[in-house]
Full PDB file with SEQRES, HELIX, SHEET, SSBOND, CRYST1, ORIGX, SCALE, CONECT and MASTER records, all heavy atoms in Angstrom:
SEQRES   1 A   33  VAL VAL ALA ALA LEU PRO VAL GLY ARG GLN ALA VAL CYS          
SEQRES   2 A   33  PHE VAL ASP PRO LYS ASN PRO ALA GLN ALA VAL LEU ASP          
SEQRES   3 A   33  ARG GLY PHE GLY PHE TRP VAL                                  
SHEET    1 AA1 2 PHE A  14  ASP A  16  0                                        
SHEET    2 AA1 2 ASN A  19  VAL A  24 -1                                        
CRYST1    1.000    1.000    1.000  90.00  90.00  90.00 P 1           1          
ORIGX1      1.000000  0.000000  0.000000        0.00000                         
ORIGX2      0.000000  1.000000  0.000000        0.00000                         
ORIGX3      0.000000  0.000000  1.000000        0.00000                         
SCALE1      1.000000  0.000000  0.000000        0.00000                         
SCALE2      0.000000  1.000000  0.000000        0.00000                         
SCALE3      0.000000  0.000000  1.000000        0.00000                         
ATOM      1  N   VAL A   1      -6.221-153.717 251.389  1.00  0.00           N  
ATOM      2  CA  VAL A   1      -5.676-152.722 250.461  1.00  0.00           C  
ATOM      3  C   VAL A   1      -6.778-151.776 250.010  1.00  0.00           C  
ATOM      4  O   VAL A   1      -6.607-150.539 249.983  1.00  0.00           O  
ATOM      5  CB  VAL A   1      -5.021-153.421 249.257  1.00  0.00           C  
ATOM      6  CG1 VAL A   1      -4.614-152.392 248.201  1.00  0.00           C  
ATOM      7  CG2 VAL A   1      -3.814-154.227 249.701  1.00  0.00           C  
ATOM      8  N   VAL A   2      -7.922-152.345 249.641  1.00  0.00           N  
ATOM      9  CA  VAL A   2      -9.034-151.510 249.156  1.00  0.00           C  
ATOM     10  C   VAL A   2      -9.551-150.607 250.267  1.00  0.00           C  
ATOM     11  O   VAL A   2      -9.906-149.434 250.027  1.00  0.00           O  
ATOM     12  CB  VAL A   2     -10.150-152.417 248.596  1.00  0.00           C  
ATOM     13  CG1 VAL A   2     -11.406-151.605 248.289  1.00  0.00           C  
ATOM     14  CG2 VAL A   2      -9.669-153.139 247.344  1.00  0.00           C  
ATOM     15  N   ALA A   3      -9.599-151.126 251.497  1.00  0.00           N  
ATOM     16  CA  ALA A   3     -10.078-150.303 252.612  1.00  0.00           C  
ATOM     17  C   ALA A   3      -9.175-149.096 252.854  1.00  0.00           C  
ATOM     18  O   ALA A   3      -9.640-148.043 253.317  1.00  0.00           O  
ATOM     19  CB  ALA A   3     -10.168-151.156 253.884  1.00  0.00           C  
ATOM     20  N   ALA A   4      -7.892-149.236 252.551  1.00  0.00           N  
ATOM     21  CA  ALA A   4      -6.961-148.119 252.730  1.00  0.00           C  
ATOM     22  C   ALA A   4      -7.004-147.145 251.558  1.00  0.00           C  
ATOM     23  O   ALA A   4      -6.373-146.081 251.626  1.00  0.00           O  
ATOM     24  CB  ALA A   4      -5.538-148.654 252.890  1.00  0.00           C  
ATOM     25  N   LEU A   5      -7.736-147.494 250.485  1.00  0.00           N  
ATOM     26  CA  LEU A   5      -7.833-146.631 249.298  1.00  0.00           C  
ATOM     27  C   LEU A   5      -9.299-146.374 248.956  1.00  0.00           C  
ATOM     28  O   LEU A   5      -9.783-146.753 247.879  1.00  0.00           O  
ATOM     29  CB  LEU A   5      -7.113-147.287 248.112  1.00  0.00           C  
ATOM     30  CG  LEU A   5      -5.606-147.550 248.266  1.00  0.00           C  
ATOM     31  CD1 LEU A   5      -5.089-148.388 247.093  1.00  0.00           C  
ATOM     32  CD2 LEU A   5      -4.850-146.227 248.344  1.00  0.00           C  
ATOM     33  N   PRO A   6     -10.052-145.728 249.847  1.00  0.00           N  
ATOM     34  CA  PRO A   6     -11.462-145.443 249.525  1.00  0.00           C  
ATOM     35  C   PRO A   6     -11.577-144.383 248.431  1.00  0.00           C  
ATOM     36  O   PRO A   6     -10.647-143.606 248.194  1.00  0.00           O  
ATOM     37  CB  PRO A   6     -12.017-144.928 250.859  1.00  0.00           C  
ATOM     38  CG  PRO A   6     -10.837-144.333 251.553  1.00  0.00           C  
ATOM     39  CD  PRO A   6      -9.667-145.191 251.161  1.00  0.00           C  
ATOM     40  N   VAL A   7     -12.716-144.376 247.775  1.00  0.00           N  
ATOM     41  CA  VAL A   7     -12.954-143.401 246.705  1.00  0.00           C  
ATOM     42  C   VAL A   7     -12.884-141.985 247.288  1.00  0.00           C  
ATOM     43  O   VAL A   7     -13.467-141.696 248.336  1.00  0.00           O  
ATOM     44  CB  VAL A   7     -14.327-143.652 246.053  1.00  0.00           C  
ATOM     45  CG1 VAL A   7     -14.636-142.562 245.015  1.00  0.00           C  
ATOM     46  CG2 VAL A   7     -14.365-145.023 245.390  1.00  0.00           C  
ATOM     47  N   GLY A   8     -12.140-141.100 246.613  1.00  0.00           N  
ATOM     48  CA  GLY A   8     -11.972-139.726 247.052  1.00  0.00           C  
ATOM     49  C   GLY A   8     -10.740-139.503 247.908  1.00  0.00           C  
ATOM     50  O   GLY A   8     -10.384-138.349 248.173  1.00  0.00           O  
ATOM     51  N   ARG A   9     -10.082-140.575 248.337  1.00  0.00           N  
ATOM     52  CA  ARG A   9      -8.904-140.448 249.188  1.00  0.00           C  
ATOM     53  C   ARG A   9      -7.739-139.845 248.387  1.00  0.00           C  
ATOM     54  O   ARG A   9      -7.511-140.201 247.233  1.00  0.00           O  
ATOM     55  CB  ARG A   9      -8.510-141.810 249.741  1.00  0.00           C  
ATOM     56  CG  ARG A   9      -7.135-141.893 250.405  1.00  0.00           C  
ATOM     57  CD  ARG A   9      -7.112-141.170 251.747  1.00  0.00           C  
ATOM     58  NE  ARG A   9      -8.042-141.743 252.691  1.00  0.00           N  
ATOM     59  CZ  ARG A   9      -7.770-142.774 253.503  1.00  0.00           C  
ATOM     60  NH1 ARG A   9      -6.578-143.335 253.450  1.00  0.00           N  
ATOM     61  NH2 ARG A   9      -8.670-143.199 254.361  1.00  0.00           N  
ATOM     62  N   GLN A  10      -7.000-138.945 249.027  1.00  0.00           N  
ATOM     63  CA  GLN A  10      -5.786-138.395 248.434  1.00  0.00           C  
ATOM     64  C   GLN A  10      -4.613-139.323 248.784  1.00  0.00           C  
ATOM     65  O   GLN A  10      -4.326-139.542 249.958  1.00  0.00           O  
ATOM     66  CB  GLN A  10      -5.518-136.984 248.958  1.00  0.00           C  
ATOM     67  CG  GLN A  10      -6.561-135.959 248.549  1.00  0.00           C  
ATOM     68  CD  GLN A  10      -6.554-135.735 247.035  1.00  0.00           C  
ATOM     69  OE1 GLN A  10      -5.499-135.545 246.422  1.00  0.00           O  
ATOM     70  NE2 GLN A  10      -7.743-135.760 246.438  1.00  0.00           N  
ATOM     71  N   ALA A  11      -3.991-139.871 247.780  1.00  0.00           N  
ATOM     72  CA  ALA A  11      -2.890-140.808 247.983  1.00  0.00           C  
ATOM     73  C   ALA A  11      -1.666-140.320 247.216  1.00  0.00           C  
ATOM     74  O   ALA A  11      -1.665-139.213 246.656  1.00  0.00           O  
ATOM     75  CB  ALA A  11      -3.294-142.217 247.532  1.00  0.00           C  
ATOM     76  N   VAL A  12      -0.646-141.141 247.192  1.00  0.00           N  
ATOM     77  CA  VAL A  12       0.579-140.839 246.468  1.00  0.00           C  
ATOM     78  C   VAL A  12       0.842-141.963 245.478  1.00  0.00           C  
ATOM     79  O   VAL A  12       0.850-143.144 245.842  1.00  0.00           O  
ATOM     80  CB  VAL A  12       1.774-140.690 247.423  1.00  0.00           C  
ATOM     81  CG1 VAL A  12       3.070-140.501 246.633  1.00  0.00           C  
ATOM     82  CG2 VAL A  12       1.560-139.525 248.383  1.00  0.00           C  
ATOM     83  N   CYS A  13       1.032-141.589 244.221  1.00  0.00           N  
ATOM     84  CA  CYS A  13       1.422-142.553 243.204  1.00  0.00           C  
ATOM     85  C   CYS A  13       2.826-142.193 242.713  1.00  0.00           C  
ATOM     86  O   CYS A  13       3.340-141.106 242.994  1.00  0.00           O  
ATOM     87  CB  CYS A  13       0.428-142.574 242.044  1.00  0.00           C  
ATOM     88  SG  CYS A  13       0.310-141.019 241.132  1.00  0.00           S  
ATOM     89  N   PHE A  14       3.425-143.113 241.966  1.00  0.00           N  
ATOM     90  CA  PHE A  14       4.786-142.915 241.473  1.00  0.00           C  
ATOM     91  C   PHE A  14       4.757-142.928 239.956  1.00  0.00           C  
ATOM     92  O   PHE A  14       4.264-143.870 239.334  1.00  0.00           O  
ATOM     93  CB  PHE A  14       5.698-144.004 242.024  1.00  0.00           C  
ATOM     94  CG  PHE A  14       5.699-144.044 243.532  1.00  0.00           C  
ATOM     95  CD1 PHE A  14       4.840-144.890 244.219  1.00  0.00           C  
ATOM     96  CD2 PHE A  14       6.531-143.207 244.263  1.00  0.00           C  
ATOM     97  CE1 PHE A  14       4.819-144.923 245.605  1.00  0.00           C  
ATOM     98  CE2 PHE A  14       6.518-143.227 245.650  1.00  0.00           C  
ATOM     99  CZ  PHE A  14       5.664-144.083 246.323  1.00  0.00           C  
ATOM    100  N   VAL A  15       5.294-141.831 239.369  1.00  0.00           N  
ATOM    101  CA  VAL A  15       5.142-141.578 237.941  1.00  0.00           C  
ATOM    102  C   VAL A  15       6.509-141.618 237.266  1.00  0.00           C  
ATOM    103  O   VAL A  15       7.500-141.068 237.788  1.00  0.00           O  
ATOM    104  CB  VAL A  15       4.463-140.206 237.708  1.00  0.00           C  
ATOM    105  CG1 VAL A  15       4.302-139.923 236.220  1.00  0.00           C  
ATOM    106  CG2 VAL A  15       3.108-140.166 238.417  1.00  0.00           C  
ATOM    107  N   ASP A  16       6.533-142.224 236.098  1.00  0.00           N  
ATOM    108  CA  ASP A  16       7.757-142.283 235.297  1.00  0.00           C  
ATOM    109  C   ASP A  16       8.044-140.891 234.742  1.00  0.00           C  
ATOM    110  O   ASP A  16       7.240-140.351 233.981  1.00  0.00           O  
ATOM    111  CB  ASP A  16       7.562-143.294 234.160  1.00  0.00           C  
ATOM    112  CG  ASP A  16       8.842-143.490 233.340  1.00  0.00           C  
ATOM    113  OD1 ASP A  16       9.844-142.807 233.619  1.00  0.00           O  
ATOM    114  OD2 ASP A  16       8.827-144.338 232.429  1.00  0.00           O  
ATOM    115  N   PRO A  17       9.165-140.276 235.087  1.00  0.00           N  
ATOM    116  CA  PRO A  17       9.447-138.913 234.597  1.00  0.00           C  
ATOM    117  C   PRO A  17       9.621-138.858 233.083  1.00  0.00           C  
ATOM    118  O   PRO A  17       9.389-137.811 232.486  1.00  0.00           O  
ATOM    119  CB  PRO A  17      10.734-138.535 235.330  1.00  0.00           C  
ATOM    120  CG  PRO A  17      11.374-139.832 235.707  1.00  0.00           C  
ATOM    121  CD  PRO A  17      10.246-140.781 235.952  1.00  0.00           C  
ATOM    122  N   LYS A  18       9.994-139.950 232.471  1.00  0.00           N  
ATOM    123  CA  LYS A  18      10.165-139.969 231.020  1.00  0.00           C  
ATOM    124  C   LYS A  18       8.844-140.200 230.286  1.00  0.00           C  
ATOM    125  O   LYS A  18       8.702-139.812 229.125  1.00  0.00           O  
ATOM    126  CB  LYS A  18      11.156-141.060 230.626  1.00  0.00           C  
ATOM    127  CG  LYS A  18      12.552-140.850 231.206  1.00  0.00           C  
ATOM    128  CD  LYS A  18      13.490-141.981 230.790  1.00  0.00           C  
ATOM    129  CE  LYS A  18      14.883-141.783 231.374  1.00  0.00           C  
ATOM    130  NZ  LYS A  18      15.798-142.904 231.005  1.00  0.00           N  
ATOM    131  N   ASN A  19       7.890-140.828 230.957  1.00  0.00           N  
ATOM    132  CA  ASN A  19       6.592-141.104 230.353  1.00  0.00           C  
ATOM    133  C   ASN A  19       5.533-140.954 231.427  1.00  0.00           C  
ATOM    134  O   ASN A  19       5.191-141.911 232.124  1.00  0.00           O  
ATOM    135  CB  ASN A  19       6.563-142.512 229.759  1.00  0.00           C  
ATOM    136  CG  ASN A  19       5.255-142.815 229.051  1.00  0.00           C  
ATOM    137  OD1 ASN A  19       4.417-141.932 228.854  1.00  0.00           O  
ATOM    138  ND2 ASN A  19       5.067-144.078 228.663  1.00  0.00           N  
ATOM    139  N   PRO A  20       4.986-139.752 231.619  1.00  0.00           N  
ATOM    140  CA  PRO A  20       4.031-139.496 232.710  1.00  0.00           C  
ATOM    141  C   PRO A  20       2.782-140.362 232.656  1.00  0.00           C  
ATOM    142  O   PRO A  20       2.068-140.471 233.658  1.00  0.00           O  
ATOM    143  CB  PRO A  20       3.683-138.012 232.530  1.00  0.00           C  
ATOM    144  CG  PRO A  20       4.829-137.435 231.765  1.00  0.00           C  
ATOM    145  CD  PRO A  20       5.296-138.532 230.868  1.00  0.00           C  
ATOM    146  N   ALA A  21       2.493-140.992 231.520  1.00  0.00           N  
ATOM    147  CA  ALA A  21       1.315-141.865 231.446  1.00  0.00           C  
ATOM    148  C   ALA A  21       1.523-143.169 232.203  1.00  0.00           C  
ATOM    149  O   ALA A  21       0.558-143.904 232.455  1.00  0.00           O  
ATOM    150  CB  ALA A  21       0.976-142.161 229.984  1.00  0.00           C  
ATOM    151  N   GLN A  22       2.761-143.467 232.585  1.00  0.00           N  
ATOM    152  CA  GLN A  22       3.068-144.681 233.330  1.00  0.00           C  
ATOM    153  C   GLN A  22       3.150-144.343 234.817  1.00  0.00           C  
ATOM    154  O   GLN A  22       3.961-143.529 235.230  1.00  0.00           O  
ATOM    155  CB  GLN A  22       4.397-145.277 232.860  1.00  0.00           C  
ATOM    156  CG  GLN A  22       4.405-145.706 231.404  1.00  0.00           C  
ATOM    157  CD  GLN A  22       3.520-146.918 231.176  1.00  0.00           C  
ATOM    158  OE1 GLN A  22       3.350-147.758 232.061  1.00  0.00           O  
ATOM    159  NE2 GLN A  22       2.947-147.013 229.998  1.00  0.00           N  
ATOM    160  N   ALA A  23       2.298-144.993 235.611  1.00  0.00           N  
ATOM    161  CA  ALA A  23       2.272-144.738 237.049  1.00  0.00           C  
ATOM    162  C   ALA A  23       1.927-146.025 237.783  1.00  0.00           C  
ATOM    163  O   ALA A  23       1.353-146.956 237.207  1.00  0.00           O  
ATOM    164  CB  ALA A  23       1.278-143.639 237.392  1.00  0.00           C  
ATOM    165  N   VAL A  24       2.253-146.047 239.079  1.00  0.00           N  
ATOM    166  CA  VAL A  24       1.962-147.207 239.911  1.00  0.00           C  
ATOM    167  C   VAL A  24       1.745-146.723 241.340  1.00  0.00           C  
ATOM    168  O   VAL A  24       2.354-145.736 241.771  1.00  0.00           O  
ATOM    169  CB  VAL A  24       3.111-148.240 239.846  1.00  0.00           C  
ATOM    170  CG1 VAL A  24       4.381-147.689 240.478  1.00  0.00           C  
ATOM    171  CG2 VAL A  24       2.707-149.557 240.489  1.00  0.00           C  
ATOM    172  N   LEU A  25       0.849-147.407 242.064  1.00  0.00           N  
ATOM    173  CA  LEU A  25       0.585-147.031 243.446  1.00  0.00           C  
ATOM    174  C   LEU A  25       1.545-147.703 244.424  1.00  0.00           C  
ATOM    175  O   LEU A  25       2.008-147.094 245.381  1.00  0.00           O  
ATOM    176  CB  LEU A  25      -0.859-147.389 243.821  1.00  0.00           C  
ATOM    177  CG  LEU A  25      -1.944-146.375 243.465  1.00  0.00           C  
ATOM    178  CD1 LEU A  25      -3.308-146.927 243.813  1.00  0.00           C  
ATOM    179  CD2 LEU A  25      -1.716-145.045 244.173  1.00  0.00           C  
ATOM    180  N   ASP A  26       1.828-148.977 244.204  1.00  0.00           N  
ATOM    181  CA  ASP A  26       2.671-149.740 245.120  1.00  0.00           C  
ATOM    182  C   ASP A  26       3.937-150.175 244.395  1.00  0.00           C  
ATOM    183  O   ASP A  26       3.887-151.005 243.485  1.00  0.00           O  
ATOM    184  CB  ASP A  26       1.897-150.972 245.632  1.00  0.00           C  
ATOM    185  CG  ASP A  26       2.708-151.785 246.639  1.00  0.00           C  
ATOM    186  OD1 ASP A  26       3.781-151.301 247.049  1.00  0.00           O  
ATOM    187  OD2 ASP A  26       2.271-152.889 246.994  1.00  0.00           O  
ATOM    188  N   ARG A  27       5.072-149.621 244.789  1.00  0.00           N  
ATOM    189  CA  ARG A  27       6.354-150.013 244.200  1.00  0.00           C  
ATOM    190  C   ARG A  27       7.239-150.731 245.230  1.00  0.00           C  
ATOM    191  O   ARG A  27       8.442-150.808 245.093  1.00  0.00           O  
ATOM    192  CB  ARG A  27       7.099-148.795 243.666  1.00  0.00           C  
ATOM    193  CG  ARG A  27       7.460-147.772 244.743  1.00  0.00           C  
ATOM    194  CD  ARG A  27       8.309-146.655 244.185  1.00  0.00           C  
ATOM    195  NE  ARG A  27       8.715-145.709 245.225  1.00  0.00           N  
ATOM    196  CZ  ARG A  27       9.461-144.622 245.002  1.00  0.00           C  
ATOM    197  NH1 ARG A  27       9.871-144.355 243.776  1.00  0.00           N  
ATOM    198  NH2 ARG A  27       9.787-143.814 245.994  1.00  0.00           N  
ATOM    199  N   GLY A  28       6.609-151.245 246.266  1.00  0.00           N  
ATOM    200  CA  GLY A  28       7.348-151.941 247.311  1.00  0.00           C  
ATOM    201  C   GLY A  28       7.646-153.387 246.935  1.00  0.00           C  
ATOM    202  O   GLY A  28       7.024-153.979 246.051  1.00  0.00           O  
ATOM    203  N   PHE A  29       8.616-153.967 247.645  1.00  0.00           N  
ATOM    204  CA  PHE A  29       8.980-155.365 247.450  1.00  0.00           C  
ATOM    205  C   PHE A  29       8.232-156.209 248.482  1.00  0.00           C  
ATOM    206  O   PHE A  29       8.625-156.271 249.646  1.00  0.00           O  
ATOM    207  CB  PHE A  29      10.488-155.565 247.604  1.00  0.00           C  
ATOM    208  CG  PHE A  29      11.285-154.954 246.490  1.00  0.00           C  
ATOM    209  CD1 PHE A  29      11.923-153.738 246.661  1.00  0.00           C  
ATOM    210  CD2 PHE A  29      11.392-155.591 245.264  1.00  0.00           C  
ATOM    211  CE1 PHE A  29      12.654-153.171 245.635  1.00  0.00           C  
ATOM    212  CE2 PHE A  29      12.118-155.021 244.230  1.00  0.00           C  
ATOM    213  CZ  PHE A  29      12.750-153.813 244.416  1.00  0.00           C  
ATOM    214  N   GLY A  30       7.172-156.832 248.054  1.00  0.00           N  
ATOM    215  CA  GLY A  30       6.422-157.728 248.928  1.00  0.00           C  
ATOM    216  C   GLY A  30       6.876-159.167 248.754  1.00  0.00           C  
ATOM    217  O   GLY A  30       7.841-159.471 248.046  1.00  0.00           O  
ATOM    218  N   PHE A  31       6.160-160.080 249.385  1.00  0.00           N  
ATOM    219  CA  PHE A  31       6.493-161.494 249.273  1.00  0.00           C  
ATOM    220  C   PHE A  31       6.332-162.007 247.845  1.00  0.00           C  
ATOM    221  O   PHE A  31       6.924-163.015 247.466  1.00  0.00           O  
ATOM    222  CB  PHE A  31       5.599-162.304 250.215  1.00  0.00           C  
ATOM    223  CG  PHE A  31       5.922-162.086 251.665  1.00  0.00           C  
ATOM    224  CD1 PHE A  31       4.999-161.499 252.519  1.00  0.00           C  
ATOM    225  CD2 PHE A  31       7.137-162.477 252.175  1.00  0.00           C  
ATOM    226  CE1 PHE A  31       5.302-161.297 253.849  1.00  0.00           C  
ATOM    227  CE2 PHE A  31       7.451-162.284 253.512  1.00  0.00           C  
ATOM    228  CZ  PHE A  31       6.522-161.687 254.351  1.00  0.00           C  
ATOM    229  N   TRP A  32       5.547-161.303 247.058  1.00  0.00           N  
ATOM    230  CA  TRP A  32       5.316-161.758 245.692  1.00  0.00           C  
ATOM    231  C   TRP A  32       6.617-161.750 244.872  1.00  0.00           C  
ATOM    232  O   TRP A  32       6.742-162.492 243.889  1.00  0.00           O  
ATOM    233  CB  TRP A  32       4.286-160.851 245.010  1.00  0.00           C  
ATOM    234  CG  TRP A  32       4.724-159.420 244.858  1.00  0.00           C  
ATOM    235  CD1 TRP A  32       4.536-158.410 245.744  1.00  0.00           C  
ATOM    236  CD2 TRP A  32       5.441-158.856 243.765  1.00  0.00           C  
ATOM    237  NE1 TRP A  32       5.087-157.246 245.281  1.00  0.00           N  
ATOM    238  CE2 TRP A  32       5.648-157.487 244.060  1.00  0.00           C  
ATOM    239  CE3 TRP A  32       5.932-159.356 242.571  1.00  0.00           C  
ATOM    240  CZ2 TRP A  32       6.322-156.631 243.195  1.00  0.00           C  
ATOM    241  CZ3 TRP A  32       6.602-158.505 241.702  1.00  0.00           C  
ATOM    242  CH2 TRP A  32       6.787-157.158 242.017  1.00  0.00           C  
ATOM    243  N   VAL A  33       7.589-160.920 245.290  1.00  0.00           N  
ATOM    244  CA  VAL A  33       8.851-160.854 244.555  1.00  0.00           C  
ATOM    245  C   VAL A  33       9.553-162.217 244.557  1.00  0.00           C  
ATOM    246  O   VAL A  33      10.231-162.587 243.591  1.00  0.00           O  
ATOM    247  CB  VAL A  33       9.762-159.774 245.174  1.00  0.00           C  
ATOM    248  CG1 VAL A  33      11.131-159.772 244.506  1.00  0.00           C  
ATOM    249  CG2 VAL A  33       9.115-158.397 245.044  1.00  0.00           C  
TER     250      VAL A  33                                                      
MASTER        0    0    0    0    2    0    0    6  249    1    0    3          
END                                                                             
C-alpha cells in the first residue's frame, strides 16, 4: 500500500460533501469487512 502511495504522488481521495474535513483514501470492501 505504501509503495503505491509515495510522497508527492497525485492520488484520489473521497470527501464528505457535507463536511469536507472528513476524507478517506480507501473506501473499498476488503476482507477486513
